[in-house]
N, C-alpha and C. Protein backbone atom coordinates (compact mmCIF):
# COMPACT_ATOMS: atom_id res chain seq x y z
N MET A 1 -18.59 -22.31 -50.39
CA MET A 1 -18.77 -21.63 -49.11
C MET A 1 -17.78 -20.47 -49.07
N PRO A 2 -18.24 -19.27 -48.73
CA PRO A 2 -17.34 -18.11 -48.72
C PRO A 2 -16.37 -18.17 -47.55
N GLN A 3 -15.16 -17.71 -47.80
CA GLN A 3 -14.13 -17.65 -46.77
C GLN A 3 -14.38 -16.43 -45.88
N PRO A 4 -14.11 -16.55 -44.57
CA PRO A 4 -14.27 -15.38 -43.70
C PRO A 4 -13.23 -14.32 -44.08
N LEU A 5 -13.64 -13.07 -43.89
CA LEU A 5 -12.75 -11.97 -44.23
C LEU A 5 -11.51 -11.95 -43.35
N HIS A 6 -11.69 -12.22 -42.09
CA HIS A 6 -10.57 -12.23 -41.14
C HIS A 6 -10.42 -13.63 -40.59
N PRO A 7 -9.29 -14.25 -40.82
CA PRO A 7 -9.11 -15.60 -40.28
C PRO A 7 -9.06 -15.56 -38.76
N THR A 8 -9.59 -16.60 -38.14
CA THR A 8 -9.55 -16.66 -36.68
C THR A 8 -8.13 -16.97 -36.22
N ARG A 9 -7.75 -16.33 -35.15
CA ARG A 9 -6.41 -16.53 -34.60
C ARG A 9 -6.54 -17.09 -33.20
N HIS A 10 -5.70 -18.03 -32.89
CA HIS A 10 -5.67 -18.60 -31.56
C HIS A 10 -4.45 -18.07 -30.84
N LEU A 11 -4.59 -17.91 -29.52
CA LEU A 11 -3.45 -17.46 -28.73
C LEU A 11 -2.43 -18.58 -28.63
N ASN A 12 -1.18 -18.22 -28.83
CA ASN A 12 -0.16 -19.23 -28.63
C ASN A 12 0.14 -19.34 -27.13
N HIS A 13 1.01 -20.25 -26.78
CA HIS A 13 1.30 -20.54 -25.37
C HIS A 13 1.82 -19.31 -24.62
N GLY A 14 2.72 -18.57 -25.23
CA GLY A 14 3.28 -17.38 -24.57
C GLY A 14 2.26 -16.29 -24.35
N ASP A 15 1.39 -16.08 -25.34
CA ASP A 15 0.35 -15.07 -25.21
C ASP A 15 -0.64 -15.43 -24.10
N LEU A 16 -0.98 -16.70 -24.03
CA LEU A 16 -1.90 -17.16 -22.99
C LEU A 16 -1.29 -17.00 -21.61
N LEU A 17 0.00 -17.27 -21.49
CA LEU A 17 0.69 -17.09 -20.21
C LEU A 17 0.69 -15.61 -19.80
N TRP A 18 0.98 -14.72 -20.74
CA TRP A 18 0.94 -13.28 -20.44
C TRP A 18 -0.46 -12.85 -20.01
N LEU A 19 -1.47 -13.34 -20.71
CA LEU A 19 -2.85 -13.00 -20.38
C LEU A 19 -3.21 -13.46 -18.98
N ARG A 20 -2.84 -14.67 -18.62
CA ARG A 20 -3.13 -15.19 -17.29
C ARG A 20 -2.39 -14.38 -16.22
N TRP A 21 -1.13 -14.06 -16.45
CA TRP A 21 -0.33 -13.32 -15.47
C TRP A 21 -0.87 -11.91 -15.26
N VAL A 22 -1.16 -11.21 -16.34
CA VAL A 22 -1.65 -9.83 -16.22
C VAL A 22 -3.04 -9.80 -15.60
N SER A 23 -3.93 -10.68 -16.03
CA SER A 23 -5.28 -10.67 -15.47
C SER A 23 -5.28 -11.07 -14.00
N LEU A 24 -4.44 -12.01 -13.62
CA LEU A 24 -4.33 -12.39 -12.20
C LEU A 24 -3.79 -11.22 -11.38
N SER A 25 -2.75 -10.57 -11.85
CA SER A 25 -2.14 -9.46 -11.11
C SER A 25 -3.11 -8.29 -10.96
N VAL A 26 -3.79 -7.94 -12.04
CA VAL A 26 -4.73 -6.83 -11.99
C VAL A 26 -5.90 -7.17 -11.08
N SER A 27 -6.38 -8.39 -11.12
CA SER A 27 -7.49 -8.80 -10.25
C SER A 27 -7.11 -8.69 -8.77
N VAL A 28 -5.93 -9.14 -8.44
CA VAL A 28 -5.48 -9.09 -7.04
C VAL A 28 -5.30 -7.63 -6.59
N LEU A 29 -4.67 -6.82 -7.41
CA LEU A 29 -4.47 -5.42 -7.04
C LEU A 29 -5.79 -4.67 -6.94
N PHE A 30 -6.76 -5.02 -7.77
CA PHE A 30 -8.08 -4.41 -7.68
C PHE A 30 -8.75 -4.79 -6.37
N CYS A 31 -8.66 -6.05 -5.98
CA CYS A 31 -9.26 -6.50 -4.72
C CYS A 31 -8.62 -5.79 -3.52
N VAL A 32 -7.32 -5.65 -3.54
CA VAL A 32 -6.62 -4.97 -2.44
C VAL A 32 -7.00 -3.49 -2.41
N ALA A 33 -7.10 -2.86 -3.57
CA ALA A 33 -7.49 -1.46 -3.62
C ALA A 33 -8.91 -1.25 -3.08
N VAL A 34 -9.81 -2.17 -3.40
CA VAL A 34 -11.18 -2.09 -2.88
C VAL A 34 -11.18 -2.25 -1.37
N LEU A 35 -10.41 -3.20 -0.85
CA LEU A 35 -10.34 -3.38 0.61
C LEU A 35 -9.74 -2.16 1.30
N MET A 36 -8.75 -1.56 0.68
CA MET A 36 -8.12 -0.38 1.29
C MET A 36 -9.07 0.81 1.26
N SER A 37 -9.78 1.01 0.17
CA SER A 37 -10.67 2.16 0.07
C SER A 37 -11.94 1.98 0.90
N SER A 38 -12.35 0.74 1.12
CA SER A 38 -13.55 0.50 1.93
C SER A 38 -13.28 0.53 3.43
N GLY A 39 -12.02 0.51 3.83
CA GLY A 39 -11.69 0.58 5.24
C GLY A 39 -11.45 -0.75 5.92
N VAL A 40 -11.57 -1.84 5.19
CA VAL A 40 -11.36 -3.17 5.78
C VAL A 40 -9.90 -3.33 6.22
N ILE A 41 -8.98 -2.87 5.38
CA ILE A 41 -7.56 -2.95 5.74
C ILE A 41 -7.29 -2.09 6.98
N GLY A 42 -7.96 -0.95 7.10
CA GLY A 42 -7.81 -0.11 8.28
C GLY A 42 -8.25 -0.83 9.55
N LEU A 43 -9.33 -1.59 9.46
CA LEU A 43 -9.78 -2.37 10.62
C LEU A 43 -8.76 -3.46 10.98
N LEU A 44 -8.20 -4.09 9.96
CA LEU A 44 -7.15 -5.09 10.23
C LEU A 44 -5.93 -4.45 10.88
N ASN A 45 -5.59 -3.25 10.42
CA ASN A 45 -4.45 -2.54 10.99
C ASN A 45 -4.71 -2.15 12.45
N GLN A 46 -5.93 -1.74 12.76
CA GLN A 46 -6.27 -1.41 14.15
C GLN A 46 -6.17 -2.65 15.04
N GLY A 47 -6.64 -3.78 14.53
CA GLY A 47 -6.52 -5.03 15.28
C GLY A 47 -5.06 -5.43 15.47
N HIS A 48 -4.25 -5.18 14.47
CA HIS A 48 -2.83 -5.48 14.56
C HIS A 48 -2.17 -4.62 15.63
N THR A 49 -2.49 -3.33 15.65
CA THR A 49 -1.93 -2.45 16.67
C THR A 49 -2.38 -2.86 18.07
N ALA A 50 -3.65 -3.23 18.21
CA ALA A 50 -4.16 -3.68 19.51
C ALA A 50 -3.45 -4.96 19.95
N LEU A 51 -3.19 -5.85 19.01
CA LEU A 51 -2.46 -7.08 19.33
C LEU A 51 -1.06 -6.76 19.83
N LEU A 52 -0.39 -5.81 19.19
CA LEU A 52 0.97 -5.46 19.59
C LEU A 52 1.03 -4.76 20.94
N GLN A 53 -0.05 -4.13 21.35
CA GLN A 53 -0.05 -3.45 22.65
C GLN A 53 -0.24 -4.41 23.81
N GLY A 54 -0.72 -5.59 23.54
CA GLY A 54 -0.92 -6.57 24.60
C GLY A 54 0.30 -7.44 24.82
N ALA A 55 0.15 -8.38 25.74
CA ALA A 55 1.25 -9.31 26.03
C ALA A 55 1.37 -10.27 24.87
N PRO A 56 2.49 -10.71 24.50
CA PRO A 56 3.83 -10.51 25.02
C PRO A 56 4.59 -9.36 24.37
N PHE A 57 3.94 -8.61 23.47
CA PHE A 57 4.68 -7.62 22.69
C PHE A 57 4.90 -6.31 23.45
N GLN A 58 3.87 -5.82 24.14
CA GLN A 58 3.95 -4.62 24.99
C GLN A 58 4.42 -3.38 24.23
N LEU A 59 3.77 -3.07 23.12
CA LEU A 59 4.06 -1.84 22.39
C LEU A 59 3.59 -0.66 23.23
N SER A 60 4.41 0.37 23.33
CA SER A 60 4.04 1.52 24.15
C SER A 60 2.92 2.32 23.48
N ALA A 61 2.29 3.18 24.26
CA ALA A 61 1.22 4.03 23.73
C ALA A 61 1.77 5.00 22.69
N ASN A 62 2.99 5.50 22.91
CA ASN A 62 3.59 6.41 21.93
C ASN A 62 3.85 5.69 20.61
N GLY A 63 4.31 4.48 20.67
CA GLY A 63 4.56 3.71 19.47
C GLY A 63 3.28 3.41 18.71
N ALA A 64 2.20 3.16 19.45
CA ALA A 64 0.91 2.87 18.82
C ALA A 64 0.30 4.13 18.20
N GLN A 65 0.48 5.27 18.85
CA GLN A 65 -0.10 6.51 18.35
C GLN A 65 0.66 7.06 17.15
N SER A 66 1.91 6.72 17.02
CA SER A 66 2.69 7.26 15.89
C SER A 66 2.25 6.69 14.56
N GLY A 67 1.51 5.60 14.56
CA GLY A 67 1.01 5.02 13.32
C GLY A 67 2.03 4.12 12.66
N SER A 68 1.67 3.64 11.50
CA SER A 68 2.52 2.70 10.78
C SER A 68 3.70 3.41 10.12
N ILE A 69 4.78 2.67 9.98
CA ILE A 69 5.95 3.18 9.27
C ILE A 69 5.59 3.46 7.81
N LEU A 70 4.77 2.58 7.22
CA LEU A 70 4.33 2.73 5.83
C LEU A 70 2.98 3.42 5.78
N SER A 71 2.85 4.44 4.95
CA SER A 71 1.54 5.03 4.71
C SER A 71 0.74 4.08 3.83
N SER A 72 -0.54 4.34 3.69
CA SER A 72 -1.36 3.45 2.86
C SER A 72 -0.93 3.51 1.39
N VAL A 73 -0.49 4.67 0.94
CA VAL A 73 0.00 4.80 -0.44
C VAL A 73 1.29 3.99 -0.63
N ALA A 74 2.20 4.09 0.34
CA ALA A 74 3.45 3.34 0.24
C ALA A 74 3.19 1.83 0.34
N ALA A 75 2.23 1.45 1.18
CA ALA A 75 1.90 0.03 1.29
C ALA A 75 1.34 -0.50 -0.03
N PHE A 76 0.46 0.29 -0.68
CA PHE A 76 -0.06 -0.16 -1.97
C PHE A 76 1.04 -0.17 -3.03
N ALA A 77 1.95 0.79 -2.95
CA ALA A 77 3.07 0.80 -3.89
C ALA A 77 3.95 -0.45 -3.71
N CYS A 78 4.08 -0.93 -2.49
CA CYS A 78 4.83 -2.18 -2.25
C CYS A 78 4.04 -3.39 -2.73
N CYS A 79 2.72 -3.28 -2.75
CA CYS A 79 1.88 -4.39 -3.20
C CYS A 79 2.04 -4.67 -4.69
N ILE A 80 2.34 -3.64 -5.47
CA ILE A 80 2.40 -3.82 -6.93
C ILE A 80 3.51 -4.78 -7.35
N PRO A 81 4.78 -4.53 -6.98
CA PRO A 81 5.80 -5.51 -7.40
C PRO A 81 5.64 -6.86 -6.72
N LEU A 82 5.16 -6.86 -5.47
CA LEU A 82 4.93 -8.13 -4.78
C LEU A 82 3.90 -8.97 -5.52
N THR A 83 2.81 -8.35 -5.94
CA THR A 83 1.77 -9.08 -6.65
C THR A 83 2.25 -9.57 -8.01
N LEU A 84 2.97 -8.73 -8.73
CA LEU A 84 3.48 -9.14 -10.04
C LEU A 84 4.40 -10.35 -9.91
N TYR A 85 5.28 -10.31 -8.90
CA TYR A 85 6.20 -11.43 -8.69
C TYR A 85 5.46 -12.67 -8.21
N TRP A 86 4.57 -12.51 -7.23
CA TRP A 86 3.91 -13.66 -6.65
C TRP A 86 2.96 -14.34 -7.64
N ALA A 87 2.34 -13.56 -8.50
CA ALA A 87 1.48 -14.15 -9.53
C ALA A 87 2.30 -15.02 -10.47
N ALA A 88 3.49 -14.56 -10.84
CA ALA A 88 4.36 -15.37 -11.70
C ALA A 88 4.79 -16.64 -10.99
N VAL A 89 5.11 -16.54 -9.72
CA VAL A 89 5.52 -17.72 -8.95
C VAL A 89 4.37 -18.73 -8.87
N MET A 90 3.18 -18.25 -8.58
CA MET A 90 2.03 -19.15 -8.45
C MET A 90 1.66 -19.82 -9.77
N LEU A 91 1.80 -19.10 -10.87
CA LEU A 91 1.45 -19.70 -12.16
C LEU A 91 2.40 -20.81 -12.57
N TYR A 92 3.62 -20.78 -12.09
CA TYR A 92 4.60 -21.79 -12.46
C TYR A 92 4.63 -23.00 -11.53
N GLN A 93 3.88 -22.98 -10.45
CA GLN A 93 3.85 -24.13 -9.55
C GLN A 93 2.99 -25.23 -10.15
N LYS A 94 3.41 -26.46 -9.99
CA LYS A 94 2.75 -27.57 -10.66
C LYS A 94 1.57 -28.15 -9.88
N THR A 95 1.60 -28.09 -8.55
CA THR A 95 0.54 -28.69 -7.76
C THR A 95 -0.02 -27.70 -6.76
N HIS A 96 -1.22 -28.00 -6.29
CA HIS A 96 -1.84 -27.17 -5.25
C HIS A 96 -1.03 -27.23 -3.96
N ARG A 97 -0.44 -28.38 -3.70
CA ARG A 97 0.36 -28.53 -2.49
C ARG A 97 1.56 -27.58 -2.50
N HIS A 98 2.25 -27.50 -3.61
CA HIS A 98 3.39 -26.58 -3.70
C HIS A 98 2.94 -25.13 -3.58
N ARG A 99 1.83 -24.81 -4.19
CA ARG A 99 1.30 -23.44 -4.10
C ARG A 99 0.95 -23.09 -2.66
N THR A 100 0.33 -24.03 -1.96
CA THR A 100 -0.07 -23.78 -0.58
C THR A 100 1.14 -23.66 0.34
N GLU A 101 2.11 -24.54 0.16
CA GLU A 101 3.31 -24.47 1.00
C GLU A 101 4.06 -23.15 0.80
N LEU A 102 4.23 -22.74 -0.44
CA LEU A 102 4.91 -21.48 -0.70
C LEU A 102 4.12 -20.29 -0.17
N THR A 103 2.80 -20.36 -0.28
CA THR A 103 1.97 -19.26 0.23
C THR A 103 2.08 -19.15 1.74
N LEU A 104 2.04 -20.26 2.44
CA LEU A 104 2.19 -20.21 3.90
C LEU A 104 3.56 -19.66 4.30
N LEU A 105 4.59 -20.06 3.59
CA LEU A 105 5.92 -19.53 3.86
C LEU A 105 5.99 -18.03 3.61
N ALA A 106 5.39 -17.57 2.53
CA ALA A 106 5.39 -16.14 2.22
C ALA A 106 4.57 -15.35 3.24
N LEU A 107 3.45 -15.89 3.69
CA LEU A 107 2.64 -15.21 4.70
C LEU A 107 3.40 -15.05 6.01
N VAL A 108 4.07 -16.10 6.43
CA VAL A 108 4.87 -16.01 7.66
C VAL A 108 6.01 -15.01 7.49
N THR A 109 6.65 -15.03 6.33
CA THR A 109 7.76 -14.12 6.07
C THR A 109 7.31 -12.66 6.09
N LEU A 110 6.13 -12.38 5.56
CA LEU A 110 5.63 -11.01 5.55
C LEU A 110 5.03 -10.59 6.90
N ALA A 111 4.53 -11.53 7.67
CA ALA A 111 3.94 -11.20 8.96
C ALA A 111 5.01 -10.93 10.03
N LEU A 112 6.15 -11.55 9.89
CA LEU A 112 7.21 -11.42 10.90
C LEU A 112 7.67 -9.99 11.14
N PRO A 113 7.95 -9.19 10.11
CA PRO A 113 8.34 -7.80 10.39
C PRO A 113 7.26 -7.00 11.10
N GLY A 114 6.00 -7.34 10.85
CA GLY A 114 4.90 -6.67 11.54
C GLY A 114 4.86 -6.98 13.02
N LEU A 115 5.43 -8.11 13.42
CA LEU A 115 5.50 -8.46 14.83
C LEU A 115 6.80 -7.99 15.47
N LEU A 116 7.89 -8.05 14.73
CA LEU A 116 9.20 -7.68 15.29
C LEU A 116 9.41 -6.16 15.38
N CYS A 117 8.52 -5.39 14.78
CA CYS A 117 8.68 -3.94 14.80
C CYS A 117 8.58 -3.37 16.22
N VAL A 118 8.02 -4.13 17.15
CA VAL A 118 7.91 -3.63 18.52
C VAL A 118 9.28 -3.47 19.17
N LEU A 119 10.28 -4.13 18.64
CA LEU A 119 11.62 -3.97 19.18
C LEU A 119 12.11 -2.53 19.03
N TRP A 120 11.60 -1.82 18.03
CA TRP A 120 11.96 -0.43 17.79
C TRP A 120 10.83 0.51 18.21
N ASP A 121 9.85 -0.02 18.95
CA ASP A 121 8.70 0.74 19.46
C ASP A 121 7.97 1.48 18.33
N CYS A 122 7.68 0.73 17.29
CA CYS A 122 6.92 1.29 16.18
C CYS A 122 5.99 0.21 15.63
N VAL A 123 5.17 0.60 14.66
CA VAL A 123 4.21 -0.33 14.08
C VAL A 123 4.46 -0.40 12.57
N LEU A 124 4.44 -1.59 12.04
CA LEU A 124 4.54 -1.81 10.60
C LEU A 124 3.35 -2.66 10.19
N HIS A 125 2.39 -2.03 9.54
CA HIS A 125 1.19 -2.75 9.12
C HIS A 125 1.45 -3.43 7.78
N THR A 126 1.36 -4.74 7.79
CA THR A 126 1.62 -5.53 6.59
C THR A 126 0.35 -6.17 6.04
N ALA A 127 -0.81 -5.74 6.48
CA ALA A 127 -2.07 -6.36 6.03
C ALA A 127 -2.26 -6.28 4.51
N PRO A 128 -1.97 -5.15 3.84
CA PRO A 128 -2.14 -5.15 2.38
C PRO A 128 -1.22 -6.15 1.68
N LEU A 129 -0.02 -6.29 2.17
CA LEU A 129 0.92 -7.24 1.57
C LEU A 129 0.47 -8.68 1.79
N LEU A 130 -0.03 -8.96 2.98
CA LEU A 130 -0.55 -10.29 3.26
C LEU A 130 -1.77 -10.60 2.40
N CYS A 131 -2.61 -9.58 2.18
CA CYS A 131 -3.79 -9.77 1.33
C CYS A 131 -3.39 -10.06 -0.11
N CYS A 132 -2.34 -9.43 -0.59
CA CYS A 132 -1.86 -9.71 -1.96
C CYS A 132 -1.48 -11.18 -2.11
N ILE A 133 -0.74 -11.68 -1.17
CA ILE A 133 -0.31 -13.08 -1.22
C ILE A 133 -1.52 -14.01 -1.12
N LEU A 134 -2.39 -13.72 -0.18
CA LEU A 134 -3.56 -14.58 0.05
C LEU A 134 -4.52 -14.56 -1.13
N PHE A 135 -4.80 -13.38 -1.68
CA PHE A 135 -5.72 -13.30 -2.82
C PHE A 135 -5.15 -13.97 -4.06
N THR A 136 -3.86 -13.85 -4.26
CA THR A 136 -3.25 -14.53 -5.41
C THR A 136 -3.42 -16.03 -5.27
N TRP A 137 -3.15 -16.54 -4.09
CA TRP A 137 -3.31 -17.98 -3.85
C TRP A 137 -4.77 -18.41 -4.05
N LEU A 138 -5.70 -17.62 -3.49
CA LEU A 138 -7.12 -17.98 -3.61
C LEU A 138 -7.58 -18.00 -5.06
N LEU A 139 -7.19 -17.00 -5.83
CA LEU A 139 -7.61 -16.97 -7.23
C LEU A 139 -7.00 -18.11 -8.03
N VAL A 140 -5.76 -18.45 -7.76
CA VAL A 140 -5.12 -19.56 -8.48
C VAL A 140 -5.76 -20.89 -8.10
N ILE A 141 -6.11 -21.04 -6.84
CA ILE A 141 -6.72 -22.29 -6.38
C ILE A 141 -8.18 -22.41 -6.85
N CYS A 142 -8.93 -21.32 -6.78
CA CYS A 142 -10.37 -21.38 -7.02
C CYS A 142 -10.79 -21.21 -8.47
N ILE A 143 -10.03 -20.50 -9.28
CA ILE A 143 -10.43 -20.23 -10.66
C ILE A 143 -9.58 -21.10 -11.59
N PRO A 144 -10.19 -21.99 -12.32
CA PRO A 144 -9.45 -22.93 -13.17
C PRO A 144 -8.57 -22.24 -14.22
N PHE A 145 -8.97 -21.08 -14.72
CA PHE A 145 -8.18 -20.37 -15.72
C PHE A 145 -6.78 -20.05 -15.20
N PHE A 146 -6.69 -19.68 -13.92
CA PHE A 146 -5.40 -19.34 -13.34
C PHE A 146 -4.66 -20.57 -12.84
N GLY A 147 -5.36 -21.62 -12.52
CA GLY A 147 -4.74 -22.80 -11.92
C GLY A 147 -4.21 -23.83 -12.91
N LYS A 148 -4.37 -23.57 -14.21
CA LYS A 148 -3.88 -24.52 -15.19
C LYS A 148 -2.37 -24.67 -15.08
N LYS A 149 -1.94 -25.90 -15.24
CA LYS A 149 -0.50 -26.17 -15.18
C LYS A 149 0.17 -25.72 -16.48
N ILE A 150 1.33 -25.12 -16.34
CA ILE A 150 2.09 -24.67 -17.50
C ILE A 150 2.99 -25.81 -17.95
N THR A 151 2.92 -26.15 -19.21
CA THR A 151 3.75 -27.24 -19.71
C THR A 151 4.96 -26.71 -20.45
């Protein structure tokens, strides 16, 4: 029987981990970019501003009209390191329970500045950052390739 010209190579553990991390990060950033370009994030931001103008926050009309502290480009730029870090964190968690607990904690931590910004009569839209955390969690939970436990 003739030998194949090129022997088959299998990915070692480190290569597989890099592949999972990069593909998860790129998938999440692609989803966020699609939501931002389609205007879905803009709708979430408008709802956020409307929420801050009501009770108990009472954001002034001037604060609402000035727009977000972060532009959409700056918000996406903040999403890149956040996604890279959060994907690594999610890949190293051993159970779905730990992943879910950490995700809820991260969501609350990122949502808080968006609510406390009314103290300075301004708006900080954190919807793209929240989407990064949520999409990373969803992909790790729903897709078995990303949810495999690292030994």
